[in-house]
Amino acid sequence: MAETEHAIVLCYDISRAATRRRVAAFLEDRLVRVQQSVFEGRMTPTAARTLFAATVTRLDPGDGLRLYVLDRDGLSKSLAHGGAPLPEESSFYLF
């Protein structure tokens, strides 16, 4: 059985500018940047765990990374103003 895609939010707190640029470039190829250090997209749990682990390898000691998963109920209760829309099933494609 195929895994279901969920909306995810990935955000970071990175001290060094060079590391921030490297991580941002890595994530911009995979997710939609909605704020300086916040990215959204849709993916399966396996893909999300893989992306999280790959991102961790690009961090410096002391940097922070968080991944939040929004199921259908959580997404329906979410709000957004300005910027990119929330990652609806029909509007996001992971290449």
PDB file of N, CA and C in Angstrom:
ATOM      1  N   MET A   1       0.839  -1.182   0.000  1.00  0.00           N
ATOM      2  CA  MET A   1       0.000   0.000   0.000  1.00  0.00           C
ATOM      3  C   MET A   1       0.885   1.246   0.000  1.00  0.00           C
ATOM      4  N   ALA A   2       0.558   2.190  -0.842  1.00  0.00           N
ATOM      5  CA  ALA A   2       1.349   3.424  -0.951  1.00  0.00           C
ATOM      6  C   ALA A   2       1.109   4.322   0.258  1.00  0.00           C
ATOM      7  N   GLU A   3       2.145   5.030   0.630  1.00  0.00           N
ATOM      8  CA  GLU A   3       2.022   5.975   1.742  1.00  0.00           C
ATOM      9  C   GLU A   3       1.236   7.204   1.304  1.00  0.00           C
ATOM     10  N   THR A   4       0.505   7.778   2.224  1.00  0.00           N
ATOM     11  CA  THR A   4      -0.255   8.997   1.973  1.00  0.00           C
ATOM     12  C   THR A   4       0.646  10.200   2.171  1.00  0.00           C
ATOM     13  N   GLU A   5       0.532  11.166   1.286  1.00  0.00           N
ATOM     14  CA  GLU A   5       1.277  12.414   1.463  1.00  0.00           C
ATOM     15  C   GLU A   5       0.557  13.303   2.468  1.00  0.00           C
ATOM     16  N   HIS A   6       1.343  14.004   3.246  1.00  0.00           N
ATOM     17  CA  HIS A   6       0.816  14.962   4.221  1.00  0.00           C
ATOM     18  C   HIS A   6       1.482  16.308   3.985  1.00  0.00           C
ATOM     19  N   ALA A   7       0.823  17.360   4.414  1.00  0.00           N
ATOM     20  CA  ALA A   7       1.450  18.678   4.406  1.00  0.00           C
ATOM     21  C   ALA A   7       2.499  18.686   5.516  1.00  0.00           C
ATOM     22  N   ILE A   8       3.672  19.225   5.208  1.00  0.00           N
ATOM     23  CA  ILE A   8       4.716  19.327   6.220  1.00  0.00           C
ATOM     24  C   ILE A   8       5.203  20.770   6.300  1.00  0.00           C
ATOM     25  N   VAL A   9       5.709  21.114   7.456  1.00  0.00           N
ATOM     26  CA  VAL A   9       6.371  22.401   7.677  1.00  0.00           C
ATOM     27  C   VAL A   9       7.733  22.083   8.253  1.00  0.00           C
ATOM     28  N   LEU A  10       8.771  22.599   7.628  1.00  0.00           N
ATOM     29  CA  LEU A  10      10.136  22.397   8.100  1.00  0.00           C
ATOM     30  C   LEU A  10      10.723  23.778   8.364  1.00  0.00           C
ATOM     31  N   CYS A  11      11.294  23.964   9.543  1.00  0.00           N
ATOM     32  CA  CYS A  11      11.876  25.269   9.881  1.00  0.00           C
ATOM     33  C   CYS A  11      13.196  25.053  10.612  1.00  0.00           C
ATOM     34  N   TYR A  12      14.037  26.061  10.523  1.00  0.00           N
ATOM     35  CA  TYR A  12      15.357  25.932  11.137  1.00  0.00           C
ATOM     36  C   TYR A  12      15.755  27.215  11.857  1.00  0.00           C
ATOM     37  N   ASP A  13      16.716  27.041  12.758  1.00  0.00           N
ATOM     38  CA  ASP A  13      17.378  28.145  13.457  1.00  0.00           C
ATOM     39  C   ASP A  13      18.873  27.872  13.300  1.00  0.00           C
ATOM     40  N   ILE A  14      19.497  28.604  12.390  1.00  0.00           N
ATOM     41  CA  ILE A  14      20.898  28.365  12.027  1.00  0.00           C
ATOM     42  C   ILE A  14      21.698  29.633  12.265  1.00  0.00           C
ATOM     43  N   SER A  15      22.801  29.518  12.978  1.00  0.00           N
ATOM     44  CA  SER A  15      23.610  30.683  13.356  1.00  0.00           C
ATOM     45  C   SER A  15      24.449  31.247  12.217  1.00  0.00           C
ATOM     46  N   ARG A  16      25.225  30.409  11.547  1.00  0.00           N
ATOM     47  CA  ARG A  16      26.162  30.883  10.525  1.00  0.00           C
ATOM     48  C   ARG A  16      25.462  31.152   9.194  1.00  0.00           C
ATOM     49  N   ALA A  17      25.770  32.303   8.608  1.00  0.00           N
ATOM     50  CA  ALA A  17      25.155  32.694   7.332  1.00  0.00           C
ATOM     51  C   ALA A  17      25.475  31.700   6.218  1.00  0.00           C
ATOM     52  N   ALA A  18      26.696  31.216   6.153  1.00  0.00           N
ATOM     53  CA  ALA A  18      27.075  30.269   5.096  1.00  0.00           C
ATOM     54  C   ALA A  18      26.271  28.975   5.211  1.00  0.00           C
ATOM     55  N   THR A  19      26.068  28.513   6.417  1.00  0.00           N
ATOM     56  CA  THR A  19      25.278  27.301   6.635  1.00  0.00           C
ATOM     57  C   THR A  19      23.827  27.556   6.275  1.00  0.00           C
ATOM     58  N   ARG A  20      23.290  28.712   6.672  1.00  0.00           N
ATOM     59  CA  ARG A  20      21.903  29.066   6.314  1.00  0.00           C
ATOM     60  C   ARG A  20      21.705  29.051   4.808  1.00  0.00           C
ATOM     61  N   ARG A  21      22.649  29.651   4.070  1.00  0.00           N
ATOM     62  CA  ARG A  21      22.534  29.684   2.604  1.00  0.00           C
ATOM     63  C   ARG A  21      22.571  28.276   2.022  1.00  0.00           C
ATOM     64  N   ARG A  22      23.461  27.440   2.525  1.00  0.00           N
ATOM     65  CA  ARG A  22      23.595  26.071   2.022  1.00  0.00           C
ATOM     66  C   ARG A  22      22.321  25.266   2.294  1.00  0.00           C
ATOM     67  N   VAL A  23      21.782  25.369   3.498  1.00  0.00           N
ATOM     68  CA  VAL A  23      20.566  24.631   3.856  1.00  0.00           C
ATOM     69  C   VAL A  23      19.371  25.174   3.079  1.00  0.00           C
ATOM     70  N   ALA A  24      19.261  26.482   2.970  1.00  0.00           N
ATOM     71  CA  ALA A  24      18.149  27.079   2.225  1.00  0.00           C
ATOM     72  C   ALA A  24      18.160  26.629   0.764  1.00  0.00           C
ATOM     73  N   ALA A  25      19.322  26.623   0.137  1.00  0.00           N
ATOM     74  CA  ALA A  25      19.427  26.187  -1.258  1.00  0.00           C
ATOM     75  C   ALA A  25      19.017  24.724  -1.393  1.00  0.00           C
ATOM     76  N   PHE A  26      19.425  23.901  -0.459  1.00  0.00           N
ATOM     77  CA  PHE A  26      19.064  22.488  -0.464  1.00  0.00           C
ATOM     78  C   PHE A  26      17.545  22.319  -0.358  1.00  0.00           C
ATOM     79  N   LEU A  27      16.924  23.049   0.568  1.00  0.00           N
ATOM     80  CA  LEU A  27      15.485  22.918   0.783  1.00  0.00           C
ATOM     81  C   LEU A  27      14.661  23.557  -0.331  1.00  0.00           C
ATOM     82  N   GLU A  28      15.147  24.641  -0.913  1.00  0.00           N
ATOM     83  CA  GLU A  28      14.399  25.302  -1.992  1.00  0.00           C
ATOM     84  C   GLU A  28      14.219  24.396  -3.204  1.00  0.00           C
ATOM     85  N   ASP A  29      15.083  23.418  -3.375  1.00  0.00           N
ATOM     86  CA  ASP A  29      14.936  22.454  -4.469  1.00  0.00           C
ATOM     87  C   ASP A  29      13.865  21.408  -4.172  1.00  0.00           C
ATOM     88  N   ARG A  30      13.387  21.347  -2.925  1.00  0.00           N
ATOM     89  CA  ARG A  30      12.488  20.277  -2.516  1.00  0.00           C
ATOM     90  C   ARG A  30      11.160  20.743  -1.946  1.00  0.00           C
ATOM     91  N   LEU A  31      11.120  21.967  -1.402  1.00  0.00           N
ATOM     92  CA  LEU A  31       9.926  22.499  -0.749  1.00  0.00           C
ATOM     93  C   LEU A  31       9.682  23.931  -1.207  1.00  0.00           C
ATOM     94  N   VAL A  32       8.584  24.506  -0.740  1.00  0.00           N
ATOM     95  CA  VAL A  32       8.256  25.898  -1.041  1.00  0.00           C
ATOM     96  C   VAL A  32       8.667  26.752   0.159  1.00  0.00           C
ATOM     97  N   ARG A  33       9.482  27.751  -0.095  1.00  0.00           N
ATOM     98  CA  ARG A  33       9.914  28.651   0.979  1.00  0.00           C
ATOM     99  C   ARG A  33       8.799  29.659   1.234  1.00  0.00           C
ATOM    100  N   VAL A  34       8.320  29.716   2.483  1.00  0.00           N
ATOM    101  CA  VAL A  34       7.228  30.639   2.815  1.00  0.00           C
ATOM    102  C   VAL A  34       7.685  31.765   3.734  1.00  0.00           C
ATOM    103  N   GLN A  35       8.802  31.608   4.387  1.00  0.00           N
ATOM    104  CA  GLN A  35       9.445  32.656   5.165  1.00  0.00           C
ATOM    105  C   GLN A  35      10.941  32.382   5.118  1.00  0.00           C
ATOM    106  N   GLN A  36      11.738  33.261   5.702  1.00  0.00           N
ATOM    107  CA  GLN A  36      13.190  33.102   5.624  1.00  0.00           C
ATOM    108  C   GLN A  36      13.663  31.711   6.030  1.00  0.00           C
ATOM    109  N   SER A  37      13.137  31.178   7.119  1.00  0.00           N
ATOM    110  CA  SER A  37      13.619  29.883   7.606  1.00  0.00           C
ATOM    111  C   SER A  37      12.493  28.860   7.720  1.00  0.00           C
ATOM    112  N   VAL A  38      11.426  29.044   6.942  1.00  0.00           N
ATOM    113  CA  VAL A  38      10.269  28.149   7.008  1.00  0.00           C
ATOM    114  C   VAL A  38       9.918  27.667   5.606  1.00  0.00           C
ATOM    115  N   PHE A  39       9.753  26.356   5.474  1.00  0.00           N
ATOM    116  CA  PHE A  39       9.446  25.723   4.195  1.00  0.00           C
ATOM    117  C   PHE A  39       8.238  24.818   4.370  1.00  0.00           C
ATOM    118  N   GLU A  40       7.430  24.718   3.306  1.00  0.00           N
ATOM    119  CA  GLU A  40       6.252  23.850   3.332  1.00  0.00           C
ATOM    120  C   GLU A  40       6.229  22.973   2.090  1.00  0.00           C
ATOM    121  N   GLY A  41       5.525  21.871   2.197  1.00  0.00           N
ATOM    122  CA  GLY A  41       5.338  21.004   1.045  1.00  0.00           C
ATOM    123  C   GLY A  41       4.462  19.829   1.398  1.00  0.00           C
ATOM    124  N   ARG A  42       4.354  18.899   0.471  1.00  0.00           N
ATOM    125  CA  ARG A  42       3.594  17.672   0.671  1.00  0.00           C
ATOM    126  C   ARG A  42       4.529  16.505   0.379  1.00  0.00           C
ATOM    127  N   MET A  43       4.545  15.541   1.266  1.00  0.00           N
ATOM    128  CA  MET A  43       5.342  14.336   1.029  1.00  0.00           C
ATOM    129  C   MET A  43       4.902  13.225   1.956  1.00  0.00           C
ATOM    130  N   THR A  44       5.361  12.039   1.643  1.00  0.00           N
ATOM    131  CA  THR A  44       5.058  10.879   2.473  1.00  0.00           C
ATOM    132  C   THR A  44       5.903  10.938   3.752  1.00  0.00           C
ATOM    133  N   PRO A  45       5.497  10.193   4.772  1.00  0.00           N
ATOM    134  CA  PRO A  45       6.311  10.156   5.990  1.00  0.00           C
ATOM    135  C   PRO A  45       7.740   9.678   5.729  1.00  0.00           C
ATOM    136  N   THR A  46       7.906   8.691   4.873  1.00  0.00           N
ATOM    137  CA  THR A  46       9.254   8.202   4.565  1.00  0.00           C
ATOM    138  C   THR A  46      10.089   9.289   3.904  1.00  0.00           C
ATOM    139  N   ALA A  47       9.511   9.983   2.936  1.00  0.00           N
ATOM    140  CA  ALA A  47      10.236  11.068   2.262  1.00  0.00           C
ATOM    141  C   ALA A  47      10.554  12.192   3.230  1.00  0.00           C
ATOM    142  N   ALA A  48       9.636  12.502   4.151  1.00  0.00           N
ATOM    143  CA  ALA A  48       9.862  13.569   5.133  1.00  0.00           C
ATOM    144  C   ALA A  48      11.006  13.202   6.074  1.00  0.00           C
ATOM    145  N   ARG A  49      11.038  11.950   6.541  1.00  0.00           N
ATOM    146  CA  ARG A  49      12.134  11.506   7.418  1.00  0.00           C
ATOM    147  C   ARG A  49      13.470  11.541   6.679  1.00  0.00           C
ATOM    148  N   THR A  50      13.462  11.137   5.423  1.00  0.00           N
ATOM    149  CA  THR A  50      14.684  11.161   4.613  1.00  0.00           C
ATOM    150  C   THR A  50      15.180  12.584   4.413  1.00  0.00           C
ATOM    151  N   LEU A  51      14.263  13.496   4.107  1.00  0.00           N
ATOM    152  CA  LEU A  51      14.630  14.904   3.933  1.00  0.00           C
ATOM    153  C   LEU A  51      15.165  15.487   5.238  1.00  0.00           C
ATOM    154  N   PHE A  52      14.519  15.184   6.345  1.00  0.00           N
ATOM    155  CA  PHE A  52      14.960  15.684   7.646  1.00  0.00           C
ATOM    156  C   PHE A  52      16.386  15.214   7.927  1.00  0.00           C
ATOM    157  N   ALA A  53      16.643  13.924   7.741  1.00  0.00           N
ATOM    158  CA  ALA A  53      17.975  13.371   8.009  1.00  0.00           C
ATOM    159  C   ALA A  53      19.025  14.000   7.099  1.00  0.00           C
ATOM    160  N   ALA A  54      18.682  14.193   5.834  1.00  0.00           N
ATOM    161  CA  ALA A  54      19.627  14.804   4.894  1.00  0.00           C
ATOM    162  C   ALA A  54      19.910  16.255   5.263  1.00  0.00           C
ATOM    163  N   THR A  55      18.919  16.942   5.785  1.00  0.00           N
ATOM    164  CA  THR A  55      19.100  18.337   6.195  1.00  0.00           C
ATOM    165  C   THR A  55      19.968  18.416   7.442  1.00  0.00           C
ATOM    166  N   VAL A  56      19.756  17.516   8.379  1.00  0.00           N
ATOM    167  CA  VAL A  56      20.553  17.489   9.615  1.00  0.00           C
ATOM    168  C   VAL A  56      22.039  17.387   9.299  1.00  0.00           C
ATOM    169  N   THR A  57      22.400  16.623   8.283  1.00  0.00           N
ATOM    170  CA  THR A  57      23.819  16.465   7.950  1.00  0.00           C
ATOM    171  C   THR A  57      24.450  17.762   7.470  1.00  0.00           C
ATOM    172  N   ARG A  58      23.648  18.744   7.112  1.00  0.00           N
ATOM    173  CA  ARG A  58      24.154  20.032   6.617  1.00  0.00           C
ATOM    174  C   ARG A  58      24.229  21.093   7.711  1.00  0.00           C
ATOM    175  N   LEU A  59      23.817  20.760   8.929  1.00  0.00           N
ATOM    176  CA  LEU A  59      23.799  21.711  10.041  1.00  0.00           C
ATOM    177  C   LEU A  59      25.119  21.719  10.800  1.00  0.00           C
ATOM    178  N   ASP A  60      25.350  22.818  11.508  1.00  0.00           N
ATOM    179  CA  ASP A  60      26.485  22.936  12.416  1.00  0.00           C
ATOM    180  C   ASP A  60      26.018  22.558  13.823  1.00  0.00           C
ATOM    181  N   PRO A  61      26.941  22.192  14.712  1.00  0.00           N
ATOM    182  CA  PRO A  61      26.554  21.931  16.101  1.00  0.00           C
ATOM    183  C   PRO A  61      25.830  23.152  16.685  1.00  0.00           C
ATOM    184  N   GLY A  62      24.753  22.904  17.393  1.00  0.00           N
ATOM    185  CA  GLY A  62      23.988  23.978  18.013  1.00  0.00           C
ATOM    186  C   GLY A  62      22.849  24.501  17.158  1.00  0.00           C
ATOM    187  N   ASP A  63      22.812  24.168  15.865  1.00  0.00           N
ATOM    188  CA  ASP A  63      21.710  24.597  15.001  1.00  0.00           C
ATOM    189  C   ASP A  63      20.468  23.773  15.315  1.00  0.00           C
ATOM    190  N   GLY A  64      19.306  24.344  15.014  1.00  0.00           N
ATOM    191  CA  GLY A  64      18.047  23.653  15.275  1.00  0.00           C
ATOM    192  C   GLY A  64      17.260  23.403  13.997  1.00  0.00           C
ATOM    193  N   LEU A  65      16.538  22.291  13.972  1.00  0.00           N
ATOM    194  CA  LEU A  65      15.704  21.924  12.837  1.00  0.00           C
ATOM    195  C   LEU A  65      14.441  21.271  13.373  1.00  0.00           C
ATOM    196  N   ARG A  66      13.293  21.673  12.833  1.00  0.00           N
ATOM    197  CA  ARG A  66      12.023  21.081  13.254  1.00  0.00           C
ATOM    198  C   ARG A  66      11.207  20.716  12.025  1.00  0.00           C
ATOM    199  N   LEU A  67      10.494  19.610  12.124  1.00  0.00           N
ATOM    200  CA  LEU A  67       9.608  19.156  11.069  1.00  0.00           C
ATOM    201  C   LEU A  67       8.248  18.891  11.693  1.00  0.00           C
ATOM    202  N   TYR A  68       7.227  19.546  11.174  1.00  0.00           N
ATOM    203  CA  TYR A  68       5.860  19.349  11.649  1.00  0.00           C
ATOM    204  C   TYR A  68       5.042  18.737  10.526  1.00  0.00           C
ATOM    205  N   VAL A  69       4.204  17.765  10.868  1.00  0.00           N
ATOM    206  CA  VAL A  69       3.329  17.112   9.899  1.00  0.00           C
ATOM    207  C   VAL A  69       1.896  17.527  10.200  1.00  0.00           C
ATOM    208  N   LEU A  70       1.205  17.956   9.153  1.00  0.00           N
ATOM    209  CA  LEU A  70      -0.199  18.350   9.297  1.00  0.00           C
ATOM    210  C   LEU A  70      -1.072  17.333   8.574  1.00  0.00           C
ATOM    211  N   ASP A  71      -1.920  16.653   9.313  1.00  0.00           N
ATOM    212  CA  ASP A  71      -2.863  15.772   8.643  1.00  0.00           C
ATOM    213  C   ASP A  71      -4.018  16.621   8.102  1.00  0.00           C
ATOM    214  N   ARG A  72      -4.956  15.986   7.453  1.00  0.00           N
ATOM    215  CA  ARG A  72      -6.064  16.714   6.827  1.00  0.00           C
ATOM    216  C   ARG A  72      -6.806  17.587   7.836  1.00  0.00           C
ATOM    217  N   ASP A  73      -7.035  17.053   9.044  1.00  0.00           N
ATOM    218  CA  ASP A  73      -7.739  17.812  10.068  1.00  0.00           C
ATOM    219  C   ASP A  73      -6.925  19.021  10.510  1.00  0.00           C
ATOM    220  N   GLY A  74      -5.625  18.826  10.726  1.00  0.00           N
ATOM    221  CA  GLY A  74      -4.770  19.941  11.134  1.00  0.00           C
ATOM    222  C   GLY A  74      -4.653  20.997  10.058  1.00  0.00           C
ATOM    223  N   LEU A  75      -4.560  20.577   8.807  1.00  0.00           N
ATOM    224  CA  LEU A  75      -4.467  21.525   7.701  1.00  0.00           C
ATOM    225  C   LEU A  75      -5.742  22.344   7.582  1.00  0.00           C
ATOM    226  N   SER A  76      -6.891  21.705   7.811  1.00  0.00           N
ATOM    227  CA  SER A  76      -8.167  22.426   7.707  1.00  0.00           C
ATOM    228  C   SER A  76      -8.318  23.474   8.807  1.00  0.00           C
ATOM    229  N   LYS A  77      -7.561  23.332   9.895  1.00  0.00           N
ATOM    230  CA  LYS A  77      -7.620  24.291  10.997  1.00  0.00           C
ATOM    231  C   LYS A  77      -6.499  25.324  10.931  1.00  0.00           C
ATOM    232  N   SER A  78      -5.647  25.232   9.912  1.00  0.00           N
ATOM    233  CA  SER A  78      -4.514  26.144   9.784  1.00  0.00           C
ATOM    234  C   SER A  78      -4.933  27.434   9.086  1.00  0.00           C
ATOM    235  N   LEU A  79      -4.208  28.493   9.354  1.00  0.00           N
ATOM    236  CA  LEU A  79      -4.470  29.792   8.752  1.00  0.00           C
ATOM    237  C   LEU A  79      -3.190  30.331   8.133  1.00  0.00           C
ATOM    238  N   ALA A  80      -3.341  31.104   7.081  1.00  0.00           N
ATOM    239  CA  ALA A  80      -2.195  31.757   6.449  1.00  0.00           C
ATOM    240  C   ALA A  80      -2.648  33.101   5.908  1.00  0.00           C
ATOM    241  N   HIS A  81      -1.761  34.078   5.949  1.00  0.00           N
ATOM    242  CA  HIS A  81      -2.029  35.396   5.380  1.00  0.00           C
ATOM    243  C   HIS A  81      -0.791  35.822   4.607  1.00  0.00           C
ATOM    244  N   GLY A  82      -0.946  36.084   3.331  1.00  0.00           N
ATOM    245  CA  GLY A  82       0.183  36.508   2.502  1.00  0.00           C
ATOM    246  C   GLY A  82       1.107  35.350   2.187  1.00  0.00           C
ATOM    247  N   GLY A  83       2.028  35.607   1.287  1.00  0.00           N
ATOM    248  CA  GLY A  83       3.010  34.597   0.923  1.00  0.00           C
ATOM    249  C   GLY A  83       2.396  33.440   0.164  1.00  0.00           C
ATOM    250  N   ALA A  84       3.090  32.327   0.167  1.00  0.00           N
ATOM    251  CA  ALA A  84       2.631  31.133  -0.543  1.00  0.00           C
ATOM    252  C   ALA A  84       1.404  30.554   0.149  1.00  0.00           C
ATOM    253  N   PRO A  85       0.511  29.943  -0.624  1.00  0.00           N
ATOM    254  CA  PRO A  85      -0.667  29.321   0.003  1.00  0.00           C
ATOM    255  C   PRO A  85      -0.257  28.083   0.788  1.00  0.00           C
ATOM    256  N   LEU A  86      -1.130  27.641   1.695  1.00  0.00           N
ATOM    257  CA  LEU A  86      -0.887  26.389   2.401  1.00  0.00           C
ATOM    258  C   LEU A  86      -0.791  25.267   1.374  1.00  0.00           C
ATOM    259  N   PRO A  87      -0.003  24.249   1.639  1.00  0.00           N
ATOM    260  CA  PRO A  87       0.245  23.200   0.637  1.00  0.00           C
ATOM    261  C   PRO A  87      -0.959  22.284   0.414  1.00  0.00           C
ATOM    262  N   GLU A  88      -1.866  22.708  -0.429  1.00  0.00           N
ATOM    263  CA  GLU A  88      -3.040  21.911  -0.769  1.00  0.00           C
ATOM    264  C   GLU A  88      -2.626  20.731  -1.628  1.00  0.00           C
ATOM    265  N   GLU A  89      -3.420  19.666  -1.602  1.00  0.00           N
ATOM    266  CA  GLU A  89      -3.089  18.485  -2.379  1.00  0.00           C
ATOM    267  C   GLU A  89      -2.959  18.782  -3.867  1.00  0.00           C
ATOM    268  N   SER A  90      -3.760  19.670  -4.382  1.00  0.00           N
ATOM    269  CA  SER A  90      -3.781  19.885  -5.823  1.00  0.00           C
ATOM    270  C   SER A  90      -2.757  20.898  -6.317  1.00  0.00           C
ATOM    271  N   SER A  91      -2.061  21.584  -5.418  1.00  0.00           N
ATOM    272  CA  SER A  91      -1.207  22.671  -5.889  1.00  0.00           C
ATOM    273  C   SER A  91       0.280  22.472  -5.643  1.00  0.00           C
ATOM    274  N   PHE A  92       0.711  21.328  -5.147  1.00  0.00           N
ATOM    275  CA  PHE A  92       2.132  21.144  -4.864  1.00  0.00           C
ATOM    276  C   PHE A  92       2.619  19.854  -5.492  1.00  0.00           C
ATOM    277  N   TYR A  93       3.731  19.949  -6.182  1.00  0.00           N
ATOM    278  CA  TYR A  93       4.328  18.778  -6.789  1.00  0.00           C
ATOM    279  C   TYR A  93       5.772  18.679  -6.371  1.00  0.00           C
ATOM    280  N   LEU A  94       6.157  17.539  -5.855  1.00  0.00           N
ATOM    281  CA  LEU A  94       7.538  17.315  -5.438  1.00  0.00           C
ATOM    282  C   LEU A  94       8.283  16.660  -6.593  1.00  0.00           C
ATOM    283  N   PHE A  95       9.321  17.315  -7.069  1.00  0.00           N
ATOM    284  CA  PHE A  95      10.079  16.795  -8.221  1.00  0.00           C
ATOM    285  C   PHE A  95      11.206  15.926  -7.773  1.00  0.00           C
TER     286      PHE A  95
END
